[in-house]
Amino acid sequence: MPPKNKGGGRAKAAEPQKEPPKQPQTIRELEWQRYYDTNPYQKTYEELGLHGMTPADRQAYLNQEYLKPGAAKTLSNKAQKELWKQLNESSLPLRSLPRPRDNHWGHDKNGRDIGDYTIEEYKSHEAKTTKLLNLFFQSQAFKAKREKASSGDGYLVGDTVTPFTCTEEDVEREKTRRKEMAELQQDLYSVKTDPYALDPEWDDVVPIPQVEPEGALAAIAYPDEYAEAMSYLRAVMAVKEYTPRCLRLTERIISLNPAHYTVWLYRFAIIKALNISIPDEIEWLNDVSLTYIKNYQIWNHRQLLLDHYYPTIVTSPTEVAALGASERQFLERMLEEDTKNYHVWSYRQYLVRKLGLWDDEERQSVEAMLREDVRNNSAWSHRFFVAFSNPAYATPGSHATEADPNVPADVVDREVAYAQAKILLASQNQSPWNYLKGALVKGGRKLGSAREFAEQFVGNLGGGDAEEVRSSHALDLLAEIYAEAGEKEKADLALRRLGEKWDRIRRGYWEYRRKMLEQD
């Protein structure tokens, strides 16, 4: 008989191949994977419950509770032996991780849950955090070392006491270290580190922040950089510190707010205390002035500098002349930027008085500006000041609109001729007409001395269509000339025609002048 087929009639079907476990993508998934790896029956329990598990799995799950510290000691010796036998058969890990807590990872600077980081992102985050912590400890060690060096402490090397030292190289390394810390804090937590907190030079200063009154209706929203610099300024001003670092601090604040009057005064106090070179400070101030051309505090500071510097050079005509020349050159450059800058012209008058710049060069400098723009009323005003306030002949305290018998006739003649020449270039320009009138008054001369000159700009006054007026300012001056000469009818006609035709926009003013004429 043929042998029986012991293998049966059918071949055994191959078992389906299990898919490899899915690799964790985030740090949270990795944490849960490690939890389930050390608690191998936990997932089955969560999916099937205790009654859905096989007897062996159920027993292994329950036995795992006895792996907790001290739990097995509650059993008898016999039960403990049976427990360890079952634990060995089920290959349970002797130590298991606790169940992960929700949201324990925290959030990053953008509000993202750190648990959602990829594994590579988390490694990078941890590396930065560790580096920041190490840098912090190094920075603390630097501070301790510097404090010991300052107090003169030392350490034993054999039998020799070696003093602690803090070198410039140490300080530079600390600056670099703090910059790294600031970058990491910004990257990790969006925390911006104040610039002065990065500089070891300012470690001894406790900043005094701005305190707004409670319930302030309009608290000023200072930029962080400005508020931080000002908090250090308050601290050093409170103790009246006048040092190079304070000078640098004022420079920084001025770059942020050049109109801060108190900072300028503090800077000047530092300059005096440290006996800083005034020419060097003026050179720095020149660049600031060209950047902020409309700033008043700059020119007040410049005036304080000259008041402080002038007594030290007053006995040297050469140095005074050099200072005057350099200042005039800079003012001309400033006026190229803005020919009618009030602050510059005011300072120029101060400079002329202070250094005695009443010479022809100052007058010629102004003449050059008037050749460029004959309508520059600021330049006309300065020329009048130079011509009629010269202490070499002008009466001290003489008002600009009153006669001064001490002004030489040749000066009056020169200024009258100059004004008339400029009027011929632009007869409707009010500035030279005002200047002409002012020069005549200052020289104690009758306005009528300019009658012939003014009348050339007016023809056939009141003659209807034949009337010709080439300058309303000439007609205005003629009204005063006629009134001065007692020719009230002609003066009234001139004022009436100004209101009716030649300067209608100021008709009310001309009518007022006519009434005043009647009262004289």
Protein backbone atom coordinates (compact mmCIF):
# COMPACT_ATOMS: atom_id res chain seq x y z
CA MET A 1 0.00 0.00 0.00
CA PRO A 2 1.26 3.43 -0.71
CA PRO A 3 2.28 5.36 2.34
CA LYS A 4 -0.25 7.79 3.79
CA ASN A 5 0.26 11.47 3.28
CA LYS A 6 0.91 12.68 6.81
CA GLY A 7 0.91 16.29 5.73
CA GLY A 8 -2.74 16.41 4.86
CA GLY A 9 -4.35 17.14 1.57
CA ARG A 10 -3.75 20.91 1.59
CA ALA A 11 -0.63 23.08 2.03
CA LYS A 12 -0.68 25.46 5.04
CA ALA A 13 -1.42 29.09 3.98
CA ALA A 14 1.39 31.57 4.63
CA GLU A 15 0.74 34.07 7.44
CA PRO A 16 0.20 37.69 6.27
CA GLN A 17 3.32 39.81 6.69
CA LYS A 18 2.97 42.51 9.35
CA GLU A 19 3.59 46.11 8.32
CA PRO A 20 6.60 47.68 10.03
CA PRO A 21 5.60 50.09 12.79
CA LYS A 22 5.16 53.68 11.73
CA GLN A 23 8.11 55.84 12.67
CA PRO A 24 7.28 58.85 14.88
CA GLN A 25 7.38 62.21 13.08
CA THR A 26 7.12 64.62 16.02
CA ILE A 27 8.65 64.73 19.46
CA ARG A 28 5.22 64.08 20.98
CA GLU A 29 4.77 60.95 18.85
CA LEU A 30 8.24 59.79 19.92
CA GLU A 31 7.31 60.29 23.57
CA TRP A 32 4.15 58.20 23.16
CA GLN A 33 6.06 55.52 21.30
CA ARG A 34 8.54 55.22 24.18
CA TYR A 35 5.67 55.10 26.66
CA TYR A 36 4.00 52.21 24.84
CA ASP A 37 7.33 50.43 24.37
CA THR A 38 7.85 50.39 28.13
CA ASN A 39 4.17 49.62 28.75
CA PRO A 40 3.62 46.89 26.07
CA TYR A 41 0.07 45.86 27.13
CA GLN A 42 -1.25 49.38 27.68
CA LYS A 43 -2.31 49.97 24.07
CA THR A 44 -4.19 46.61 23.93
CA TYR A 45 -5.95 47.53 27.16
CA GLU A 46 -6.95 50.94 25.76
CA GLU A 47 -8.26 49.40 22.52
CA LEU A 48 -9.99 46.21 23.85
CA GLY A 49 -10.52 46.79 27.52
CA LEU A 50 -9.69 44.26 30.23
CA HIS A 51 -12.35 41.71 29.17
CA GLY A 52 -11.29 41.86 25.52
CA MET A 53 -7.71 40.90 26.25
CA THR A 54 -6.45 37.28 26.17
CA PRO A 55 -6.00 35.68 29.60
CA ALA A 56 -2.20 35.83 29.20
CA ASP A 57 -2.19 39.50 28.15
CA ARG A 58 -4.64 40.39 30.90
CA GLN A 59 -2.47 38.73 33.53
CA ALA A 60 0.68 40.43 32.18
CA TYR A 61 -1.08 43.81 32.22
CA LEU A 62 -2.20 43.33 35.83
CA ASN A 63 1.22 42.05 36.89
CA GLN A 64 2.82 45.23 35.58
CA GLU A 65 1.21 47.17 38.43
CA TYR A 66 3.44 45.23 40.86
CA LEU A 67 6.57 46.64 39.19
CA LYS A 68 5.90 49.98 40.78
CA PRO A 69 8.21 50.72 43.73
CA GLY A 70 7.10 48.85 46.89
CA ALA A 71 4.04 47.22 45.27
CA ALA A 72 5.46 43.61 45.19
CA LYS A 73 6.21 43.70 48.92
CA THR A 74 2.51 43.61 49.64
CA LEU A 75 2.46 39.98 48.39
CA SER A 76 3.51 36.87 50.28
CA ASN A 77 6.84 35.26 49.49
CA LYS A 78 5.13 32.51 47.52
CA ALA A 79 3.08 35.01 45.56
CA GLN A 80 6.18 37.08 44.84
CA LYS A 81 7.95 33.99 43.39
CA GLU A 82 4.96 33.26 41.17
CA LEU A 83 4.85 36.93 40.14
CA TRP A 84 8.50 37.01 39.06
CA LYS A 85 8.00 33.75 37.16
CA GLN A 86 5.11 35.23 35.19
CA LEU A 87 7.01 38.48 34.62
CA ASN A 88 9.94 36.58 33.15
CA GLU A 89 7.66 34.58 30.86
CA SER A 90 5.88 37.73 29.58
CA SER A 91 9.19 39.63 29.15
CA LEU A 92 7.78 42.76 30.76
CA PRO A 93 10.23 45.70 31.08
CA LEU A 94 11.22 46.17 34.70
CA ARG A 95 10.93 49.94 34.37
CA SER A 96 8.20 51.84 32.54
CA LEU A 97 7.82 55.47 31.63
CA PRO A 98 4.96 57.50 33.09
CA ARG A 99 2.05 58.42 30.87
CA PRO A 100 2.80 61.64 28.90
CA ARG A 101 0.99 64.76 30.09
CA ASP A 102 -0.88 67.03 27.71
CA ASN A 103 0.72 70.40 26.83
CA HIS A 104 3.77 69.89 29.05
CA TRP A 105 6.13 70.81 26.21
CA GLY A 106 5.08 74.44 26.25
CA HIS A 107 4.97 76.80 23.27
CA ASP A 108 7.63 78.59 21.29
CA LYS A 109 7.80 82.33 20.51
CA ASN A 110 5.29 81.93 17.68
CA GLY A 111 2.74 80.11 19.85
CA ARG A 112 3.51 76.74 18.28
CA ASP A 113 3.36 73.70 20.59
CA ILE A 114 6.90 72.39 20.97
CA GLY A 115 5.48 68.86 21.09
CA ASP A 116 4.60 69.31 17.41
CA TYR A 117 8.25 69.88 16.50
CA THR A 118 9.87 67.32 14.28
CA ILE A 119 12.63 65.36 15.95
CA GLU A 120 15.28 67.36 14.09
CA GLU A 121 13.61 70.66 15.01
CA TYR A 122 13.54 69.63 18.65
CA LYS A 123 17.20 68.64 18.62
CA SER A 124 18.08 72.06 17.21
CA HIS A 125 15.88 73.79 19.82
CA GLU A 126 17.49 71.84 22.66
CA ALA A 127 20.99 72.58 21.35
CA LYS A 128 20.24 76.32 21.37
CA THR A 129 18.74 76.15 24.85
CA THR A 130 21.77 74.26 26.17
CA LYS A 131 24.16 76.71 24.52
CA LEU A 132 22.31 79.67 26.03
CA LEU A 133 22.52 78.11 29.48
CA ASN A 134 26.25 77.47 29.11
CA LEU A 135 26.85 81.03 27.94
CA PHE A 136 24.89 82.30 30.92
CA PHE A 137 27.08 80.39 33.37
CA GLN A 138 30.21 81.66 31.59
CA SER A 139 28.88 85.23 31.83
CA GLN A 140 28.23 84.80 35.56
CA ALA A 141 31.78 83.52 35.99
CA PHE A 142 33.10 86.61 34.19
CA LYS A 143 31.16 88.91 36.53
CA ALA A 144 32.48 87.10 39.58
CA LYS A 145 36.04 87.27 38.28
CA ARG A 146 35.77 90.97 37.49
CA GLU A 147 34.33 91.73 40.91
CA LYS A 148 37.22 89.89 42.58
CA ALA A 149 39.71 91.77 40.40
CA SER A 150 38.10 95.08 41.36
CA SER A 151 38.25 94.29 45.08
CA GLY A 152 41.88 93.12 44.85
CA ASP A 153 41.20 89.48 45.75
CA GLY A 154 43.69 86.77 44.87
CA TYR A 155 44.11 83.00 44.75
CA LEU A 156 46.89 80.68 45.89
CA VAL A 157 49.30 79.15 43.41
CA GLY A 158 51.59 77.12 45.62
CA ASP A 159 52.68 79.53 48.29
CA THR A 160 52.12 82.61 46.12
CA VAL A 161 48.96 84.72 46.14
CA THR A 162 48.13 85.68 42.56
CA PRO A 163 45.65 88.54 42.15
CA PHE A 164 42.60 88.09 39.97
CA THR A 165 42.79 90.13 36.75
CA CYS A 166 40.22 91.16 34.17
CA THR A 167 41.90 92.03 30.87
CA GLU A 168 40.60 93.83 27.81
CA GLU A 169 40.54 90.45 26.06
CA ASP A 170 38.24 89.15 28.81
CA VAL A 171 35.91 92.10 28.32
CA GLU A 172 35.83 91.67 24.53
CA ARG A 173 35.09 87.95 24.91
CA GLU A 174 32.25 88.84 27.29
CA LYS A 175 30.82 91.33 24.76
CA THR A 176 30.88 88.62 22.09
CA ARG A 177 29.32 86.16 24.56
CA ARG A 178 26.48 88.54 25.39
CA LYS A 179 25.78 89.20 21.74
CA GLU A 180 25.45 85.44 21.22
CA MET A 181 23.13 85.24 24.23
CA ALA A 182 21.03 88.10 22.88
CA GLU A 183 20.71 86.41 19.49
CA LEU A 184 19.70 83.11 21.11
CA GLN A 185 17.14 84.82 23.38
CA GLN A 186 15.68 86.61 20.39
CA ASP A 187 15.60 83.40 18.37
CA LEU A 188 14.15 81.22 21.14
CA TYR A 189 11.87 83.58 23.05
CA SER A 190 11.61 86.82 21.02
CA VAL A 191 13.22 88.62 23.95
CA LYS A 192 15.08 91.71 22.82
CA THR A 193 18.15 92.46 24.92
CA ASP A 194 18.92 96.12 25.59
CA PRO A 195 22.15 97.31 23.92
CA TYR A 196 23.59 98.58 27.20
CA ALA A 197 22.90 95.25 28.88
CA LEU A 198 25.23 93.73 26.28
CA ASP A 199 28.10 95.98 27.33
CA PRO A 200 29.98 94.95 30.51
CA GLU A 201 30.97 98.61 30.97
CA TRP A 202 27.40 99.38 32.14
CA ASP A 203 26.96 96.43 34.54
CA ASP A 204 27.40 98.69 37.57
CA VAL A 205 24.54 101.00 36.55
CA VAL A 206 20.99 100.25 37.66
CA PRO A 207 18.75 101.91 35.04
CA ILE A 208 15.91 104.15 36.20
CA PRO A 209 12.89 103.60 33.94
CA GLN A 210 10.32 106.23 33.04
CA VAL A 211 7.38 106.10 35.45
CA GLU A 212 4.12 107.33 33.98
CA PRO A 213 1.56 108.66 36.48
CA GLU A 214 -1.24 106.26 37.29
CA GLY A 215 -4.22 106.71 35.03
CA ALA A 216 -2.33 108.89 32.54
CA LEU A 217 -4.62 109.76 29.66
CA ALA A 218 -1.88 109.99 27.06
CA ALA A 219 1.18 107.99 28.10
CA ILE A 220 3.97 108.46 25.59
CA ALA A 221 4.82 105.30 23.67
CA TYR A 222 8.62 105.66 23.62
CA PRO A 223 10.52 103.30 21.30
CA ASP A 224 12.23 100.56 23.31
CA GLU A 225 15.72 101.64 22.27
CA TYR A 226 15.12 105.25 23.32
CA ALA A 227 13.42 104.31 26.61
CA GLU A 228 16.31 102.00 27.50
CA ALA A 229 18.97 104.65 26.77
CA MET A 230 17.05 107.25 28.77
CA SER A 231 16.78 104.90 31.76
CA TYR A 232 20.58 104.73 31.87
CA LEU A 233 20.83 108.50 31.43
CA ARG A 234 18.60 109.10 34.46
CA ALA A 235 20.78 106.77 36.50
CA VAL A 236 24.10 108.49 35.70
CA MET A 237 22.61 111.99 35.98
CA ALA A 238 21.23 111.11 39.43
CA VAL A 239 24.77 110.51 40.72
CA LYS A 240 26.29 113.36 38.65
CA GLU A 241 28.64 111.08 36.75
CA TYR A 242 30.82 112.85 34.18
CA THR A 243 32.78 110.17 32.32
CA PRO A 244 33.59 109.24 28.71
CA ARG A 245 30.91 106.54 28.76
CA CYS A 246 28.33 109.18 29.71
CA LEU A 247 29.50 111.34 26.80
CA ARG A 248 28.95 108.40 24.45
CA LEU A 249 25.52 107.85 26.01
CA THR A 250 24.50 111.47 25.26
CA GLU A 251 25.66 111.03 21.67
CA ARG A 252 23.45 107.97 21.35
CA ILE A 253 20.38 109.71 22.77
CA ILE A 254 20.95 112.79 20.61
CA SER A 255 20.96 110.53 17.55
CA LEU A 256 17.54 109.23 18.68
CA ASN A 257 16.09 112.58 19.79
CA PRO A 258 18.20 115.63 18.86
CA ALA A 259 15.66 118.01 20.43
CA HIS A 260 16.20 116.70 23.99
CA TYR A 261 17.31 119.91 25.71
CA THR A 262 18.36 118.24 29.00
CA VAL A 263 20.70 115.82 27.22
CA TRP A 264 22.49 118.71 25.50
CA LEU A 265 22.99 120.50 28.82
CA TYR A 266 24.31 117.31 30.42
CA ARG A 267 26.69 116.80 27.50
CA PHE A 268 28.07 120.31 27.94
CA ALA A 269 28.58 119.67 31.67
CA ILE A 270 30.56 116.51 30.80
CA ILE A 271 32.70 118.43 28.31
CA LYS A 272 33.59 120.99 30.96
CA ALA A 273 34.27 118.37 33.63
CA LEU A 274 36.55 116.29 31.38
CA ASN A 275 38.13 119.33 29.72
CA ILE A 276 37.37 117.90 26.29
CA SER A 277 38.79 119.72 23.26
CA ILE A 278 36.21 122.28 22.10
CA PRO A 279 37.43 122.21 18.46
CA ASP A 280 36.91 118.42 18.48
CA GLU A 281 33.40 118.83 19.89
CA ILE A 282 32.59 121.48 17.27
CA GLU A 283 33.79 119.15 14.53
CA TRP A 284 31.41 116.45 15.83
CA LEU A 285 28.65 119.03 16.14
CA ASN A 286 29.06 120.08 12.51
CA ASP A 287 27.97 116.65 11.29
CA VAL A 288 25.00 116.65 13.67
CA SER A 289 24.00 120.16 12.52
CA LEU A 290 24.00 119.15 8.85
CA THR A 291 21.80 116.16 9.69
CA TYR A 292 19.25 118.11 11.77
CA ILE A 293 19.31 121.57 10.17
CA LYS A 294 16.17 122.88 11.91
CA ASN A 295 17.18 121.93 15.44
CA TYR A 296 17.47 124.79 17.96
CA GLN A 297 19.29 122.89 20.73
CA ILE A 298 22.29 122.33 18.46
CA TRP A 299 22.89 126.07 18.16
CA ASN A 300 22.39 126.72 21.85
CA HIS A 301 25.01 124.03 22.55
CA ARG A 302 27.35 125.63 20.02
CA GLN A 303 26.95 129.00 21.71
CA LEU A 304 27.74 127.47 25.12
CA LEU A 305 30.86 125.90 23.63
CA LEU A 306 32.10 129.23 22.26
CA ASP A 307 31.35 131.04 25.52
CA HIS A 308 33.45 128.42 27.29
CA TYR A 309 36.24 128.35 24.70
CA TYR A 310 36.63 132.05 23.85
CA PRO A 311 38.30 133.13 27.14
CA THR A 312 41.07 130.59 26.51
CA ILE A 313 42.02 132.15 23.13
CA VAL A 314 41.02 135.80 23.59
CA THR A 315 44.65 136.84 24.00
CA SER A 316 45.62 135.25 20.66
CA PRO A 317 44.25 137.28 17.71
CA THR A 318 45.45 134.56 15.34
CA GLU A 319 43.39 131.86 17.04
CA VAL A 320 40.34 134.12 17.26
CA ALA A 321 40.61 134.93 13.56
CA ALA A 322 41.00 131.24 12.67
CA LEU A 323 37.93 130.37 14.74
CA GLY A 324 35.92 133.14 13.11
CA ALA A 325 36.95 132.01 9.62
CA SER A 326 36.09 128.36 10.27
CA GLU A 327 32.75 129.26 11.85
CA ARG A 328 31.83 131.59 8.98
CA GLN A 329 32.75 128.88 6.47
CA PHE A 330 30.53 126.35 8.24
CA LEU A 331 27.62 128.80 8.51
CA GLU A 332 27.82 129.47 4.79
CA ARG A 333 27.60 125.73 4.22
CA MET A 334 24.57 125.50 6.50
CA LEU A 335 22.87 128.38 4.70
CA GLU A 336 23.41 126.62 1.40
CA GLU A 337 21.07 123.95 2.78
CA ASP A 338 18.49 126.49 3.97
CA THR A 339 19.17 130.15 3.15
CA LYS A 340 16.56 131.40 5.64
CA ASN A 341 17.31 129.15 8.61
CA TYR A 342 16.37 131.33 11.58
CA HIS A 343 18.58 129.47 14.08
CA VAL A 344 21.65 129.84 11.88
CA TRP A 345 21.11 133.57 11.32
CA SER A 346 20.54 134.12 15.05
CA TYR A 347 23.76 132.30 15.87
CA ARG A 348 25.56 134.29 13.19
CA GLN A 349 24.63 137.55 14.89
CA TYR A 350 25.87 136.12 18.19
CA LEU A 351 29.13 135.07 16.49
CA VAL A 352 29.70 138.51 14.97
CA ARG A 353 29.29 140.12 18.39
CA LYS A 354 31.36 137.50 20.21
CA LEU A 355 34.34 137.46 17.85
CA GLY A 356 34.04 141.01 16.54
CA LEU A 357 33.42 139.99 12.92
CA TRP A 358 32.35 143.46 11.79
CA ASP A 359 34.83 143.48 8.91
CA ASP A 360 34.28 143.74 5.19
CA GLU A 361 34.57 139.97 4.84
CA GLU A 362 31.33 139.42 6.77
CA ARG A 363 29.50 142.03 4.71
CA GLN A 364 30.86 140.60 1.47
CA SER A 365 29.77 137.11 2.52
CA VAL A 366 26.21 138.40 2.82
CA GLU A 367 26.50 140.28 -0.48
CA ALA A 368 27.36 136.97 -2.17
CA MET A 369 24.11 135.51 -0.84
CA LEU A 370 22.10 138.49 -2.07
CA ARG A 371 23.63 138.10 -5.51
CA GLU A 372 22.25 134.55 -5.46
CA ASP A 373 18.83 135.62 -4.16
CA VAL A 374 18.06 139.32 -3.89
CA ARG A 375 14.80 138.46 -2.11
CA ASN A 376 16.50 136.76 0.86
CA ASN A 377 15.08 138.94 3.63
CA SER A 378 17.21 137.10 6.23
CA ALA A 379 20.38 138.16 4.45
CA TRP A 380 19.10 141.76 4.23
CA SER A 381 18.41 141.73 7.96
CA HIS A 382 21.92 140.47 8.76
CA ARG A 383 23.52 143.07 6.52
CA PHE A 384 21.62 145.81 8.35
CA PHE A 385 22.84 144.39 11.67
CA VAL A 386 26.48 144.32 10.49
CA ALA A 387 26.34 147.79 8.96
CA PHE A 388 24.57 149.67 11.76
CA SER A 389 25.44 147.77 14.98
CA ASN A 390 29.23 147.94 14.69
CA PRO A 391 30.45 148.92 18.18
CA ALA A 392 33.30 150.84 16.54
CA TYR A 393 30.82 153.68 15.92
CA ALA A 394 27.25 152.65 16.77
CA THR A 395 25.64 153.98 19.93
CA PRO A 396 25.28 151.13 22.48
CA GLY A 397 21.65 150.09 22.88
CA SER A 398 20.48 152.08 19.85
CA HIS A 399 17.25 150.56 18.52
CA ALA A 400 17.21 149.35 14.92
CA THR A 401 14.40 151.79 14.00
CA GLU A 402 15.83 154.94 15.59
CA ALA A 403 18.39 157.42 14.31
CA ASP A 404 21.98 157.03 15.46
CA PRO A 405 24.05 160.19 14.97
CA ASN A 406 27.26 158.24 15.51
CA VAL A 407 26.90 156.20 12.31
CA PRO A 408 29.36 157.68 9.76
CA ALA A 409 27.84 159.38 6.72
CA ASP A 410 29.90 157.26 4.34
CA VAL A 411 28.36 154.11 5.84
CA VAL A 412 24.86 155.50 5.32
CA ASP A 413 25.73 156.57 1.76
CA ARG A 414 27.13 153.13 0.98
CA GLU A 415 24.07 151.28 2.31
CA VAL A 416 21.59 153.62 0.58
CA ALA A 417 23.39 153.17 -2.72
CA TYR A 418 23.51 149.39 -2.25
CA ALA A 419 19.77 149.20 -1.55
CA GLN A 420 18.93 151.36 -4.55
CA ALA A 421 21.09 149.22 -6.83
CA LYS A 422 19.22 146.08 -5.72
CA ILE A 423 15.84 147.79 -6.15
CA LEU A 424 16.70 148.45 -9.77
CA LEU A 425 17.20 144.71 -10.21
CA ALA A 426 13.79 143.79 -8.70
CA SER A 427 11.62 146.81 -8.05
CA GLN A 428 8.73 144.79 -6.63
CA ASN A 429 10.96 143.17 -4.00
CA GLN A 430 9.97 144.59 -0.61
CA SER A 431 13.24 143.78 1.22
CA PRO A 432 15.52 146.44 -0.35
CA TRP A 433 12.77 149.09 -0.04
CA ASN A 434 12.55 148.36 3.70
CA TYR A 435 16.33 148.41 3.88
CA LEU A 436 16.49 151.77 2.08
CA LYS A 437 14.00 153.30 4.48
CA GLY A 438 15.82 151.81 7.49
CA ALA A 439 19.21 153.13 6.30
CA LEU A 440 17.81 156.65 5.89
CA VAL A 441 16.20 156.58 9.35
CA LYS A 442 19.34 155.17 10.96
CA GLY A 443 21.43 157.91 9.35
CA GLY A 444 19.01 160.57 10.59
CA ARG A 445 18.09 161.59 7.04
CA LYS A 446 14.73 162.68 5.67
CA LEU A 447 12.85 160.12 3.61
CA GLY A 448 12.52 162.88 1.07
CA SER A 449 16.18 162.39 0.15
CA ALA A 450 14.99 159.31 -1.79
CA ARG A 451 12.05 161.11 -3.44
CA GLU A 452 13.61 161.42 -6.87
CA PHE A 453 14.69 157.77 -6.79
CA ALA A 454 11.22 156.52 -5.80
CA GLU A 455 9.33 158.69 -8.28
CA GLN A 456 11.01 157.01 -11.24
CA PHE A 457 8.84 153.96 -10.53
CA VAL A 458 5.55 155.93 -10.53
CA GLY A 459 4.12 157.98 -13.38
CA ASN A 460 0.88 159.93 -13.91
CA LEU A 461 -0.52 158.99 -10.50
CA GLY A 462 -4.30 159.35 -10.61
CA GLY A 463 -4.18 159.92 -14.37
CA GLY A 464 -6.53 157.12 -15.30
CA ASP A 465 -5.29 154.79 -18.00
CA ALA A 466 -2.04 156.73 -18.26
CA GLU A 467 -1.16 155.89 -14.64
CA GLU A 468 1.93 153.69 -14.37
CA VAL A 469 3.26 152.08 -11.18
CA ARG A 470 6.21 149.71 -11.52
CA SER A 471 6.53 149.15 -7.78
CA SER A 472 3.78 149.30 -5.16
CA HIS A 473 6.57 149.59 -2.55
CA ALA A 474 7.81 152.78 -4.23
CA LEU A 475 4.28 154.18 -4.03
CA ASP A 476 4.14 153.23 -0.32
CA LEU A 477 7.41 155.07 0.34
CA LEU A 478 6.22 158.08 -1.67
CA ALA A 479 3.11 158.28 0.52
CA GLU A 480 5.39 158.68 3.54
CA ILE A 481 7.65 161.13 1.70
CA TYR A 482 4.69 163.32 0.69
CA ALA A 483 3.30 163.23 4.24
CA GLU A 484 6.73 164.18 5.59
CA ALA A 485 6.80 167.14 3.19
CA GLY A 486 3.30 168.22 4.21
CA GLU A 487 1.76 167.26 0.84
CA LYS A 488 -1.19 165.42 2.36
CA GLU A 489 -3.31 165.36 -0.81
CA LYS A 490 -0.59 163.60 -2.75
CA ALA A 491 0.02 161.25 0.16
CA ASP A 492 -3.71 160.46 0.34
CA LEU A 493 -3.84 159.85 -3.41
CA ALA A 494 -0.93 157.43 -3.21
CA LEU A 495 -2.59 155.47 -0.40
CA ARG A 496 -5.98 155.48 -2.13
CA ARG A 497 -4.53 154.16 -5.41
CA LEU A 498 -2.71 151.41 -3.51
CA GLY A 499 -6.03 150.21 -2.07
CA GLU A 500 -7.98 150.67 -5.29
CA LYS A 501 -5.59 149.07 -7.73
CA TRP A 502 -1.95 148.41 -6.91
CA ASP A 503 -2.27 146.45 -3.64
CA ARG A 504 -5.94 145.58 -3.25
CA ILE A 505 -5.31 142.63 -0.93
CA ARG A 506 -4.32 145.10 1.81
CA ARG A 507 -7.02 147.66 1.08
CA GLY A 508 -8.08 147.78 4.72
CA TYR A 509 -4.53 148.63 5.76
CA TRP A 510 -4.26 151.47 3.22
CA GLU A 511 -7.59 152.88 4.38
CA TYR A 512 -6.27 152.80 7.94
CA ARG A 513 -3.20 154.73 6.81
CA ARG A 514 -5.44 157.33 5.16
CA LYS A 515 -7.35 157.86 8.41
CA MET A 516 -4.10 158.22 10.31
CA LEU A 517 -3.03 160.80 7.73
CA GLU A 518 -6.13 162.86 8.46
CA GLN A 519 -5.36 162.85 12.18
CA ASP A 520 -1.82 164.15 11.76
